[in-house]
Structures are given as C-alpha cells and as structure tokens.
Amino acid sequence: MKRSGPSFRQQKIPLKECPDCSGQGMVQGLFHQMPCPGCESSGFVCKETGATLPLADVVLQLRLLCNELEDERRELRRKLFKLDDRSRGHGPMGTEYTGD
C-alpha cells in the first residue's frame, strides 16, 4: 500500500452548485452581471465543506464527471444494441434478407 506522495489516480471530489449564484457562475449586480466571488465563476463548490475549489481542480473534476457519464452512455448503448433485433441481420417480422 502506498504511504506517501501523490495518489496514482485522481480522486473525485463531490461537487454541488454554488449557493450564491445557483450554479450560474455570475451574480446580478445593480446594472450588469458580475463574476460570482463565492465560486470564482465556476458555478461549483465542494459539497462537503462548501469551499471554493481552485479552477484547475474544478476543470479536473468536471473532466472526471464527463468521463464517467461517457462510460455510462457507452454501456447503455451497448445494452440497447443487444436488444435490437436488426443488429443480428434480421429484417422486418424476423425474416432474413437474402438479396433475391
């Protein structure tokens, strides 16, 4: 077990929407919109502490989330492809097209 130094894999930090800007990254000023100071315009804060994350960490966490969602999408497409009868070369009503 590794005891010191950085981990081999990036750890996922649970995120939540910024309560100040409701995840928009901007707050409405008197005459114009301004960057949200509560989340540094990212729209996300740490779920556990509510602290602002550095932008580099926010980018990394969003990339990890995108990768996770992409894996989930691929898995659902694979399951859908298995259910599709046409994927096995069958035509309408289960008939097989012979080219005649």
PDB file of N, CA and C in Angstrom:
ATOM      1  N   MET A   1       0.828  -1.176   0.000  1.00  0.00           N
ATOM      2  CA  MET A   1       0.000   0.000   0.000  1.00  0.00           C
ATOM      3  C   MET A   1       0.878   1.247   0.000  1.00  0.00           C
ATOM      4  N   LYS A   2       0.516   2.200  -0.833  1.00  0.00           N
ATOM      5  CA  LYS A   2       1.303   3.415  -0.951  1.00  0.00           C
ATOM      6  C   LYS A   2       1.070   4.305   0.269  1.00  0.00           C
ATOM      7  N   ARG A   3       2.137   4.829   0.827  1.00  0.00           N
ATOM      8  CA  ARG A   3       2.031   5.600   2.070  1.00  0.00           C
ATOM      9  C   ARG A   3       2.276   7.101   1.883  1.00  0.00           C
ATOM     10  N   SER A   4       3.076   7.510   0.903  1.00  0.00           N
ATOM     11  CA  SER A   4       3.393   8.923   0.749  1.00  0.00           C
ATOM     12  C   SER A   4       3.397   9.304  -0.730  1.00  0.00           C
ATOM     13  N   GLY A   5       3.375  10.599  -0.972  1.00  0.00           N
ATOM     14  CA  GLY A   5       3.386  11.090  -2.341  1.00  0.00           C
ATOM     15  C   GLY A   5       1.982  11.165  -2.911  1.00  0.00           C
ATOM     16  N   PRO A   6       1.882  11.653  -4.139  1.00  0.00           N
ATOM     17  CA  PRO A   6       0.554  11.778  -4.750  1.00  0.00           C
ATOM     18  C   PRO A   6      -0.030  10.416  -5.098  1.00  0.00           C
ATOM     19  N   SER A   7      -1.347  10.357  -5.151  1.00  0.00           N
ATOM     20  CA  SER A   7      -2.004   9.093  -5.484  1.00  0.00           C
ATOM     21  C   SER A   7      -1.817   8.804  -6.972  1.00  0.00           C
ATOM     22  N   PHE A   8      -1.960   7.544  -7.334  1.00  0.00           N
ATOM     23  CA  PHE A   8      -1.800   7.148  -8.728  1.00  0.00           C
ATOM     24  C   PHE A   8      -2.979   7.593  -9.575  1.00  0.00           C
ATOM     25  N   ARG A   9      -4.136   7.720  -8.967  1.00  0.00           N
ATOM     26  CA  ARG A   9      -5.344   8.123  -9.682  1.00  0.00           C
ATOM     27  C   ARG A   9      -5.901   9.382  -9.029  1.00  0.00           C
ATOM     28  N   GLN A  10      -6.515  10.219  -9.841  1.00  0.00           N
ATOM     29  CA  GLN A  10      -7.147  11.414  -9.304  1.00  0.00           C
ATOM     30  C   GLN A  10      -8.398  11.025  -8.523  1.00  0.00           C
ATOM     31  N   GLN A  11      -8.581  11.612  -7.375  1.00  0.00           N
ATOM     32  CA  GLN A  11      -9.736  11.325  -6.539  1.00  0.00           C
ATOM     33  C   GLN A  11     -10.873  12.263  -6.904  1.00  0.00           C
ATOM     34  N   LYS A  12     -12.070  11.722  -6.969  1.00  0.00           N
ATOM     35  CA  LYS A  12     -13.233  12.516  -7.297  1.00  0.00           C
ATOM     36  C   LYS A  12     -13.699  13.260  -6.053  1.00  0.00           C
ATOM     37  N   ILE A  13     -13.881  14.569  -6.188  1.00  0.00           N
ATOM     38  CA  ILE A  13     -14.365  15.411  -5.103  1.00  0.00           C
ATOM     39  C   ILE A  13     -15.841  15.675  -5.373  1.00  0.00           C
ATOM     40  N   PRO A  14     -16.731  15.393  -4.406  1.00  0.00           N
ATOM     41  CA  PRO A  14     -18.146  15.675  -4.646  1.00  0.00           C
ATOM     42  C   PRO A  14     -18.380  17.180  -4.755  1.00  0.00           C
ATOM     43  N   LEU A  15     -19.087  17.585  -5.808  1.00  0.00           N
ATOM     44  CA  LEU A  15     -19.365  18.995  -6.065  1.00  0.00           C
ATOM     45  C   LEU A  15     -20.850  19.272  -5.900  1.00  0.00           C
ATOM     46  N   LYS A  16     -21.170  20.526  -5.625  1.00  0.00           N
ATOM     47  CA  LYS A  16     -22.560  20.969  -5.627  1.00  0.00           C
ATOM     48  C   LYS A  16     -22.587  22.370  -6.241  1.00  0.00           C
ATOM     49  N   GLU A  17     -23.789  22.809  -6.624  1.00  0.00           N
ATOM     50  CA  GLU A  17     -23.920  24.135  -7.191  1.00  0.00           C
ATOM     51  C   GLU A  17     -23.613  25.184  -6.129  1.00  0.00           C
ATOM     52  N   CYS A  18     -23.034  26.262  -6.562  1.00  0.00           N
ATOM     53  CA  CYS A  18     -22.723  27.368  -5.665  1.00  0.00           C
ATOM     54  C   CYS A  18     -24.031  27.974  -5.154  1.00  0.00           C
ATOM     55  N   PRO A  19     -24.184  28.123  -3.842  1.00  0.00           N
ATOM     56  CA  PRO A  19     -25.431  28.696  -3.319  1.00  0.00           C
ATOM     57  C   PRO A  19     -25.591  30.186  -3.635  1.00  0.00           C
ATOM     58  N   ASP A  20     -24.480  30.888  -3.868  1.00  0.00           N
ATOM     59  CA  ASP A  20     -24.556  32.323  -4.137  1.00  0.00           C
ATOM     60  C   ASP A  20     -25.114  32.626  -5.527  1.00  0.00           C
ATOM     61  N   CYS A  21     -24.715  31.833  -6.516  1.00  0.00           N
ATOM     62  CA  CYS A  21     -25.119  32.113  -7.904  1.00  0.00           C
ATOM     63  C   CYS A  21     -26.016  31.018  -8.483  1.00  0.00           C
ATOM     64  N   SER A  22     -26.382  30.029  -7.687  1.00  0.00           N
ATOM     65  CA  SER A  22     -27.219  28.892  -8.124  1.00  0.00           C
ATOM     66  C   SER A  22     -26.602  28.140  -9.303  1.00  0.00           C
ATOM     67  N   GLY A  23     -25.281  28.048  -9.319  1.00  0.00           N
ATOM     68  CA  GLY A  23     -24.590  27.294 -10.352  1.00  0.00           C
ATOM     69  C   GLY A  23     -24.402  28.038 -11.658  1.00  0.00           C
ATOM     70  N   GLN A  24     -24.738  29.318 -11.717  1.00  0.00           N
ATOM     71  CA  GLN A  24     -24.622  30.080 -12.961  1.00  0.00           C
ATOM     72  C   GLN A  24     -23.229  30.672 -13.172  1.00  0.00           C
ATOM     73  N   GLY A  25     -22.484  30.897 -12.100  1.00  0.00           N
ATOM     74  CA  GLY A  25     -21.154  31.479 -12.223  1.00  0.00           C
ATOM     75  C   GLY A  25     -21.176  32.992 -12.282  1.00  0.00           C
ATOM     76  N   MET A  26     -22.349  33.578 -12.360  1.00  0.00           N
ATOM     77  CA  MET A  26     -22.488  35.037 -12.434  1.00  0.00           C
ATOM     78  C   MET A  26     -23.561  35.468 -11.436  1.00  0.00           C
ATOM     79  N   VAL A  27     -23.377  36.645 -10.844  1.00  0.00           N
ATOM     80  CA  VAL A  27     -24.388  37.235  -9.977  1.00  0.00           C
ATOM     81  C   VAL A  27     -24.824  38.552 -10.594  1.00  0.00           C
ATOM     82  N   GLN A  28     -26.065  38.894 -10.361  1.00  0.00           N
ATOM     83  CA  GLN A  28     -26.605  40.128 -10.932  1.00  0.00           C
ATOM     84  C   GLN A  28     -26.223  41.307 -10.051  1.00  0.00           C
ATOM     85  N   GLY A  29     -25.486  42.248 -10.636  1.00  0.00           N
ATOM     86  CA  GLY A  29     -25.166  43.484  -9.941  1.00  0.00           C
ATOM     87  C   GLY A  29     -26.303  44.475 -10.132  1.00  0.00           C
ATOM     88  N   LEU A  30     -26.063  45.701  -9.795  1.00  0.00           N
ATOM     89  CA  LEU A  30     -27.098  46.713  -9.928  1.00  0.00           C
ATOM     90  C   LEU A  30     -27.439  46.970 -11.396  1.00  0.00           C
ATOM     91  N   PHE A  31     -26.412  47.062 -12.237  1.00  0.00           N
ATOM     92  CA  PHE A  31     -26.641  47.353 -13.652  1.00  0.00           C
ATOM     93  C   PHE A  31     -26.170  46.251 -14.594  1.00  0.00           C
ATOM     94  N   HIS A  32     -25.337  45.360 -14.136  1.00  0.00           N
ATOM     95  CA  HIS A  32     -24.786  44.331 -15.019  1.00  0.00           C
ATOM     96  C   HIS A  32     -24.439  43.075 -14.210  1.00  0.00           C
ATOM     97  N   GLN A  33     -24.159  41.991 -14.925  1.00  0.00           N
ATOM     98  CA  GLN A  33     -23.750  40.751 -14.265  1.00  0.00           C
ATOM     99  C   GLN A  33     -22.269  40.830 -13.922  1.00  0.00           C
ATOM    100  N   MET A  34     -21.929  40.207 -12.791  1.00  0.00           N
ATOM    101  CA  MET A  34     -20.545  40.177 -12.333  1.00  0.00           C
ATOM    102  C   MET A  34     -20.157  38.729 -12.040  1.00  0.00           C
ATOM    103  N   PRO A  35     -18.875  38.396 -12.129  1.00  0.00           N
ATOM    104  CA  PRO A  35     -18.429  37.052 -11.755  1.00  0.00           C
ATOM    105  C   PRO A  35     -18.739  36.779 -10.287  1.00  0.00           C
ATOM    106  N   CYS A  36     -19.175  35.560 -10.013  1.00  0.00           N
ATOM    107  CA  CYS A  36     -19.533  35.185  -8.646  1.00  0.00           C
ATOM    108  C   CYS A  36     -18.267  35.050  -7.798  1.00  0.00           C
ATOM    109  N   PRO A  37     -18.168  35.777  -6.688  1.00  0.00           N
ATOM    110  CA  PRO A  37     -16.984  35.650  -5.835  1.00  0.00           C
ATOM    111  C   PRO A  37     -17.012  34.384  -4.981  1.00  0.00           C
ATOM    112  N   GLY A  38     -18.188  33.781  -4.813  1.00  0.00           N
ATOM    113  CA  GLY A  38     -18.305  32.597  -3.967  1.00  0.00           C
ATOM    114  C   GLY A  38     -17.725  31.339  -4.590  1.00  0.00           C
ATOM    115  N   CYS A  39     -17.658  31.295  -5.915  1.00  0.00           N
ATOM    116  CA  CYS A  39     -17.160  30.094  -6.600  1.00  0.00           C
ATOM    117  C   CYS A  39     -16.123  30.418  -7.671  1.00  0.00           C
ATOM    118  N   GLU A  40     -15.674  31.660  -7.725  1.00  0.00           N
ATOM    119  CA  GLU A  40     -14.722  32.117  -8.747  1.00  0.00           C
ATOM    120  C   GLU A  40     -15.262  31.875 -10.148  1.00  0.00           C
ATOM    121  N   SER A  41     -16.551  32.067 -10.341  1.00  0.00           N
ATOM    122  CA  SER A  41     -17.245  31.966 -11.631  1.00  0.00           C
ATOM    123  C   SER A  41     -17.321  30.549 -12.186  1.00  0.00           C
ATOM    124  N   SER A  42     -17.048  29.542 -11.383  1.00  0.00           N
ATOM    125  CA  SER A  42     -17.134  28.169 -11.885  1.00  0.00           C
ATOM    126  C   SER A  42     -18.545  27.607 -11.736  1.00  0.00           C
ATOM    127  N   GLY A  43     -19.300  28.094 -10.762  1.00  0.00           N
ATOM    128  CA  GLY A  43     -20.642  27.582 -10.515  1.00  0.00           C
ATOM    129  C   GLY A  43     -20.671  26.387  -9.580  1.00  0.00           C
ATOM    130  N   PHE A  44     -19.496  25.909  -9.136  1.00  0.00           N
ATOM    131  CA  PHE A  44     -19.416  24.735  -8.278  1.00  0.00           C
ATOM    132  C   PHE A  44     -18.563  25.015  -7.050  1.00  0.00           C
ATOM    133  N   VAL A  45     -18.952  24.390  -5.936  1.00  0.00           N
ATOM    134  CA  VAL A  45     -18.168  24.421  -4.701  1.00  0.00           C
ATOM    135  C   VAL A  45     -18.094  22.992  -4.169  1.00  0.00           C
ATOM    136  N   CYS A  46     -17.217  22.762  -3.202  1.00  0.00           N
ATOM    137  CA  CYS A  46     -17.081  21.443  -2.590  1.00  0.00           C
ATOM    138  C   CYS A  46     -18.364  21.119  -1.822  1.00  0.00           C
ATOM    139  N   LYS A  47     -18.913  19.944  -2.047  1.00  0.00           N
ATOM    140  CA  LYS A  47     -20.167  19.560  -1.418  1.00  0.00           C
ATOM    141  C   LYS A  47     -20.030  19.422   0.094  1.00  0.00           C
ATOM    142  N   GLU A  48     -18.917  18.899   0.554  1.00  0.00           N
ATOM    143  CA  GLU A  48     -18.732  18.631   1.980  1.00  0.00           C
ATOM    144  C   GLU A  48     -18.445  19.896   2.777  1.00  0.00           C
ATOM    145  N   THR A  49     -17.564  20.758   2.266  1.00  0.00           N
ATOM    146  CA  THR A  49     -17.135  21.932   3.029  1.00  0.00           C
ATOM    147  C   THR A  49     -17.766  23.227   2.547  1.00  0.00           C
ATOM    148  N   GLY A  50     -18.242  23.264   1.306  1.00  0.00           N
ATOM    149  CA  GLY A  50     -18.777  24.497   0.738  1.00  0.00           C
ATOM    150  C   GLY A  50     -17.686  25.459   0.314  1.00  0.00           C
ATOM    151  N   ALA A  51     -16.440  25.001   0.333  1.00  0.00           N
ATOM    152  CA  ALA A  51     -15.303  25.855  -0.007  1.00  0.00           C
ATOM    153  C   ALA A  51     -15.133  25.953  -1.520  1.00  0.00           C
ATOM    154  N   THR A  52     -14.588  27.070  -1.943  1.00  0.00           N
ATOM    155  CA  THR A  52     -14.284  27.280  -3.351  1.00  0.00           C
ATOM    156  C   THR A  52     -13.096  26.420  -3.743  1.00  0.00           C
ATOM    157  N   LEU A  53     -13.190  25.754  -4.880  1.00  0.00           N
ATOM    158  CA  LEU A  53     -12.083  24.956  -5.387  1.00  0.00           C
ATOM    159  C   LEU A  53     -11.268  25.795  -6.355  1.00  0.00           C
ATOM    160  N   PRO A  54      -9.953  25.582  -6.409  1.00  0.00           N
ATOM    161  CA  PRO A  54      -9.161  26.256  -7.440  1.00  0.00           C
ATOM    162  C   PRO A  54      -9.661  25.839  -8.831  1.00  0.00           C
ATOM    163  N   LEU A  55      -9.555  26.733  -9.784  1.00  0.00           N
ATOM    164  CA  LEU A  55     -10.096  26.461 -11.115  1.00  0.00           C
ATOM    165  C   LEU A  55      -9.475  25.225 -11.750  1.00  0.00           C
ATOM    166  N   ALA A  56      -8.202  24.965 -11.482  1.00  0.00           N
ATOM    167  CA  ALA A  56      -7.570  23.763 -12.033  1.00  0.00           C
ATOM    168  C   ALA A  56      -8.247  22.503 -11.498  1.00  0.00           C
ATOM    169  N   ASP A  57      -8.627  22.513 -10.219  1.00  0.00           N
ATOM    170  CA  ASP A  57      -9.318  21.364  -9.644  1.00  0.00           C
ATOM    171  C   ASP A  57     -10.734  21.229 -10.191  1.00  0.00           C
ATOM    172  N   VAL A  58     -11.399  22.351 -10.423  1.00  0.00           N
ATOM    173  CA  VAL A  58     -12.752  22.310 -10.983  1.00  0.00           C
ATOM    174  C   VAL A  58     -12.719  21.703 -12.381  1.00  0.00           C
ATOM    175  N   VAL A  59     -11.751  22.104 -13.187  1.00  0.00           N
ATOM    176  CA  VAL A  59     -11.627  21.561 -14.539  1.00  0.00           C
ATOM    177  C   VAL A  59     -11.390  20.057 -14.480  1.00  0.00           C
ATOM    178  N   LEU A  60     -10.514  19.620 -13.595  1.00  0.00           N
ATOM    179  CA  LEU A  60     -10.219  18.195 -13.455  1.00  0.00           C
ATOM    180  C   LEU A  60     -11.459  17.431 -12.995  1.00  0.00           C
ATOM    181  N   GLN A  61     -12.185  17.956 -12.024  1.00  0.00           N
ATOM    182  CA  GLN A  61     -13.374  17.274 -11.521  1.00  0.00           C
ATOM    183  C   GLN A  61     -14.465  17.196 -12.584  1.00  0.00           C
ATOM    184  N   LEU A  62     -14.627  18.245 -13.374  1.00  0.00           N
ATOM    185  CA  LEU A  62     -15.617  18.204 -14.451  1.00  0.00           C
ATOM    186  C   LEU A  62     -15.206  17.216 -15.537  1.00  0.00           C
ATOM    187  N   ARG A  63     -13.913  17.086 -15.802  1.00  0.00           N
ATOM    188  CA  ARG A  63     -13.442  16.102 -16.779  1.00  0.00           C
ATOM    189  C   ARG A  63     -13.717  14.695 -16.267  1.00  0.00           C
ATOM    190  N   LEU A  64     -13.483  14.445 -14.974  1.00  0.00           N
ATOM    191  CA  LEU A  64     -13.778  13.135 -14.403  1.00  0.00           C
ATOM    192  C   LEU A  64     -15.271  12.830 -14.500  1.00  0.00           C
ATOM    193  N   LEU A  65     -16.114  13.826 -14.248  1.00  0.00           N
ATOM    194  CA  LEU A  65     -17.556  13.646 -14.356  1.00  0.00           C
ATOM    195  C   LEU A  65     -17.961  13.355 -15.800  1.00  0.00           C
ATOM    196  N   CYS A  66     -17.372  14.085 -16.753  1.00  0.00           N
ATOM    197  CA  CYS A  66     -17.674  13.837 -18.174  1.00  0.00           C
ATOM    198  C   CYS A  66     -17.257  12.430 -18.587  1.00  0.00           C
ATOM    199  N   ASN A  67     -16.101  11.983 -18.126  1.00  0.00           N
ATOM    200  CA  ASN A  67     -15.640  10.630 -18.447  1.00  0.00           C
ATOM    201  C   ASN A  67     -16.594   9.584 -17.880  1.00  0.00           C
ATOM    202  N   GLU A  68     -17.046   9.804 -16.652  1.00  0.00           N
ATOM    203  CA  GLU A  68     -17.981   8.868 -16.021  1.00  0.00           C
ATOM    204  C   GLU A  68     -19.306   8.807 -16.789  1.00  0.00           C
ATOM    205  N   LEU A  69     -19.817   9.955 -17.187  1.00  0.00           N
ATOM    206  CA  LEU A  69     -21.067   9.989 -17.942  1.00  0.00           C
ATOM    207  C   LEU A  69     -20.899   9.375 -19.336  1.00  0.00           C
ATOM    208  N   GLU A  70     -19.749   9.565 -19.952  1.00  0.00           N
ATOM    209  CA  GLU A  70     -19.488   8.966 -21.264  1.00  0.00           C
ATOM    210  C   GLU A  70     -19.427   7.445 -21.158  1.00  0.00           C
ATOM    211  N   ASP A  71     -18.802   6.921 -20.108  1.00  0.00           N
ATOM    212  CA  ASP A  71     -18.774   5.470 -19.879  1.00  0.00           C
ATOM    213  C   ASP A  71     -20.181   4.918 -19.680  1.00  0.00           C
ATOM    214  N   GLU A  72     -21.000   5.658 -18.930  1.00  0.00           N
ATOM    215  CA  GLU A  72     -22.375   5.235 -18.701  1.00  0.00           C
ATOM    216  C   GLU A  72     -23.170   5.229 -20.015  1.00  0.00           C
ATOM    217  N   ARG A  73     -22.946   6.246 -20.846  1.00  0.00           N
ATOM    218  CA  ARG A  73     -23.622   6.319 -22.150  1.00  0.00           C
ATOM    219  C   ARG A  73     -23.224   5.147 -23.040  1.00  0.00           C
ATOM    220  N   ARG A  74     -21.946   4.830 -23.056  1.00  0.00           N
ATOM    221  CA  ARG A  74     -21.475   3.692 -23.870  1.00  0.00           C
ATOM    222  C   ARG A  74     -22.101   2.380 -23.405  1.00  0.00           C
ATOM    223  N   GLU A  75     -22.189   2.206 -22.095  1.00  0.00           N
ATOM    224  CA  GLU A  75     -22.776   0.986 -21.539  1.00  0.00           C
ATOM    225  C   GLU A  75     -24.252   0.883 -21.917  1.00  0.00           C
ATOM    226  N   LEU A  76     -24.989   1.989 -21.842  1.00  0.00           N
ATOM    227  CA  LEU A  76     -26.401   1.971 -22.224  1.00  0.00           C
ATOM    228  C   LEU A  76     -26.574   1.691 -23.710  1.00  0.00           C
ATOM    229  N   ARG A  77     -25.703   2.259 -24.549  1.00  0.00           N
ATOM    230  CA  ARG A  77     -25.777   1.982 -25.992  1.00  0.00           C
ATOM    231  C   ARG A  77     -25.479   0.512 -26.279  1.00  0.00           C
ATOM    232  N   ARG A  78     -24.521  -0.056 -25.534  1.00  0.00           N
ATOM    233  CA  ARG A  78     -24.193  -1.465 -25.729  1.00  0.00           C
ATOM    234  C   ARG A  78     -25.388  -2.343 -25.360  1.00  0.00           C
ATOM    235  N   LYS A  79     -26.067  -2.021 -24.260  1.00  0.00           N
ATOM    236  CA  LYS A  79     -27.242  -2.788 -23.846  1.00  0.00           C
ATOM    237  C   LYS A  79     -28.374  -2.627 -24.853  1.00  0.00           C
ATOM    238  N   LEU A  80     -28.557  -1.423 -25.371  1.00  0.00           N
ATOM    239  CA  LEU A  80     -29.594  -1.183 -26.360  1.00  0.00           C
ATOM    240  C   LEU A  80     -29.304  -1.941 -27.652  1.00  0.00           C
ATOM    241  N   PHE A  81     -28.047  -1.996 -28.043  1.00  0.00           N
ATOM    242  CA  PHE A  81     -27.663  -2.716 -29.258  1.00  0.00           C
ATOM    243  C   PHE A  81     -27.961  -4.205 -29.122  1.00  0.00           C
ATOM    244  N   LYS A  82     -27.772  -4.759 -27.916  1.00  0.00           N
ATOM    245  CA  LYS A  82     -28.078  -6.171 -27.690  1.00  0.00           C
ATOM    246  C   LYS A  82     -29.564  -6.448 -27.832  1.00  0.00           C
ATOM    247  N   LEU A  83     -30.398  -5.492 -27.447  1.00  0.00           N
ATOM    248  CA  LEU A  83     -31.841  -5.674 -27.514  1.00  0.00           C
ATOM    249  C   LEU A  83     -32.399  -5.501 -28.920  1.00  0.00           C
ATOM    250  N   ASP A  84     -31.660  -4.850 -29.790  1.00  0.00           N
ATOM    251  CA  ASP A  84     -32.133  -4.538 -31.132  1.00  0.00           C
ATOM    252  C   ASP A  84     -32.015  -5.774 -32.029  1.00  0.00           C
ATOM    253  N   ASP A  85     -33.163  -6.292 -32.532  1.00  0.00           N
ATOM    254  CA  ASP A  85     -33.153  -7.480 -33.391  1.00  0.00           C
ATOM    255  C   ASP A  85     -32.465  -7.217 -34.718  1.00  0.00           C
ATOM    256  N   ARG A  86     -32.567  -5.993 -35.214  1.00  0.00           N
ATOM    257  CA  ARG A  86     -31.975  -5.698 -36.526  1.00  0.00           C
ATOM    258  C   ARG A  86     -30.458  -5.780 -36.492  1.00  0.00           C
ATOM    259  N   SER A  87     -29.867  -5.716 -35.328  1.00  0.00           N
ATOM    260  CA  SER A  87     -28.413  -5.755 -35.240  1.00  0.00           C
ATOM    261  C   SER A  87     -27.868  -7.145 -35.581  1.00  0.00           C
ATOM    262  N   ARG A  88     -28.732  -8.159 -35.643  1.00  0.00           N
ATOM    263  CA  ARG A  88     -28.273  -9.517 -35.951  1.00  0.00           C
ATOM    264  C   ARG A  88     -28.591  -9.919 -37.394  1.00  0.00           C
ATOM    265  N   GLY A  89     -28.905  -8.943 -38.244  1.00  0.00           N
ATOM    266  CA  GLY A  89     -29.132  -9.250 -39.647  1.00  0.00           C
ATOM    267  C   GLY A  89     -30.549  -9.648 -39.985  1.00  0.00           C
ATOM    268  N   HIS A  90     -31.496  -9.470 -39.101  1.00  0.00           N
ATOM    269  CA  HIS A  90     -32.871  -9.845 -39.358  1.00  0.00           C
ATOM    270  C   HIS A  90     -33.650  -8.642 -39.859  1.00  0.00           C
ATOM    271  N   GLY A  91     -34.564  -8.900 -40.770  1.00  0.00           N
ATOM    272  CA  GLY A  91     -35.403  -7.852 -41.315  1.00  0.00           C
ATOM    273  C   GLY A  91     -36.699  -7.717 -40.564  1.00  0.00           C
ATOM    274  N   PRO A  92     -37.695  -7.125 -41.223  1.00  0.00           N
ATOM    275  CA  PRO A  92     -38.983  -6.948 -40.564  1.00  0.00           C
ATOM    276  C   PRO A  92     -39.630  -8.293 -40.253  1.00  0.00           C
ATOM    277  N   MET A  93     -40.315  -8.366 -39.143  1.00  0.00           N
ATOM    278  CA  MET A  93     -41.031  -9.561 -38.707  1.00  0.00           C
ATOM    279  C   MET A  93     -40.108 -10.765 -38.531  1.00  0.00           C
ATOM    280  N   GLY A  94     -38.827 -10.546 -38.305  1.00  0.00           N
ATOM    281  CA  GLY A  94     -37.889 -11.624 -38.055  1.00  0.00           C
ATOM    282  C   GLY A  94     -37.424 -12.353 -39.297  1.00  0.00           C
ATOM    283  N   THR A  95     -37.747 -11.855 -40.484  1.00  0.00           N
ATOM    284  CA  THR A  95     -37.302 -12.513 -41.713  1.00  0.00           C
ATOM    285  C   THR A  95     -35.866 -12.126 -42.008  1.00  0.00           C
ATOM    286  N   GLU A  96     -35.196 -12.998 -42.697  1.00  0.00           N
ATOM    287  CA  GLU A  96     -33.802 -12.745 -43.035  1.00  0.00           C
ATOM    288  C   GLU A  96     -33.729 -12.375 -44.510  1.00  0.00           C
ATOM    289  N   TYR A  97     -33.080 -11.255 -44.802  1.00  0.00           N
ATOM    290  CA  TYR A  97     -32.942 -10.768 -46.174  1.00  0.00           C
ATOM    291  C   TYR A  97     -31.871 -11.583 -46.893  1.00  0.00           C
ATOM    292  N   THR A  98     -32.218 -12.163 -48.039  1.00  0.00           N
ATOM    293  CA  THR A  98     -31.270 -12.984 -48.784  1.00  0.00           C
ATOM    294  C   THR A  98     -30.755 -12.305 -50.045  1.00  0.00           C
ATOM    295  N   GLY A  99     -31.359 -11.182 -50.411  1.00  0.00           N
ATOM    296  CA  GLY A  99     -30.891 -10.458 -51.596  1.00  0.00           C
ATOM    297  C   GLY A  99     -31.565 -10.867 -52.869  1.00  0.00           C
ATOM    298  N   ASP A 100     -32.589 -11.703 -52.823  1.00  0.00           N
ATOM    299  CA  ASP A 100     -33.291 -12.137 -54.043  1.00  0.00           C
ATOM    300  C   ASP A 100     -34.304 -11.133 -54.492  1.00  0.00           C
TER     301      ASP A 100
END
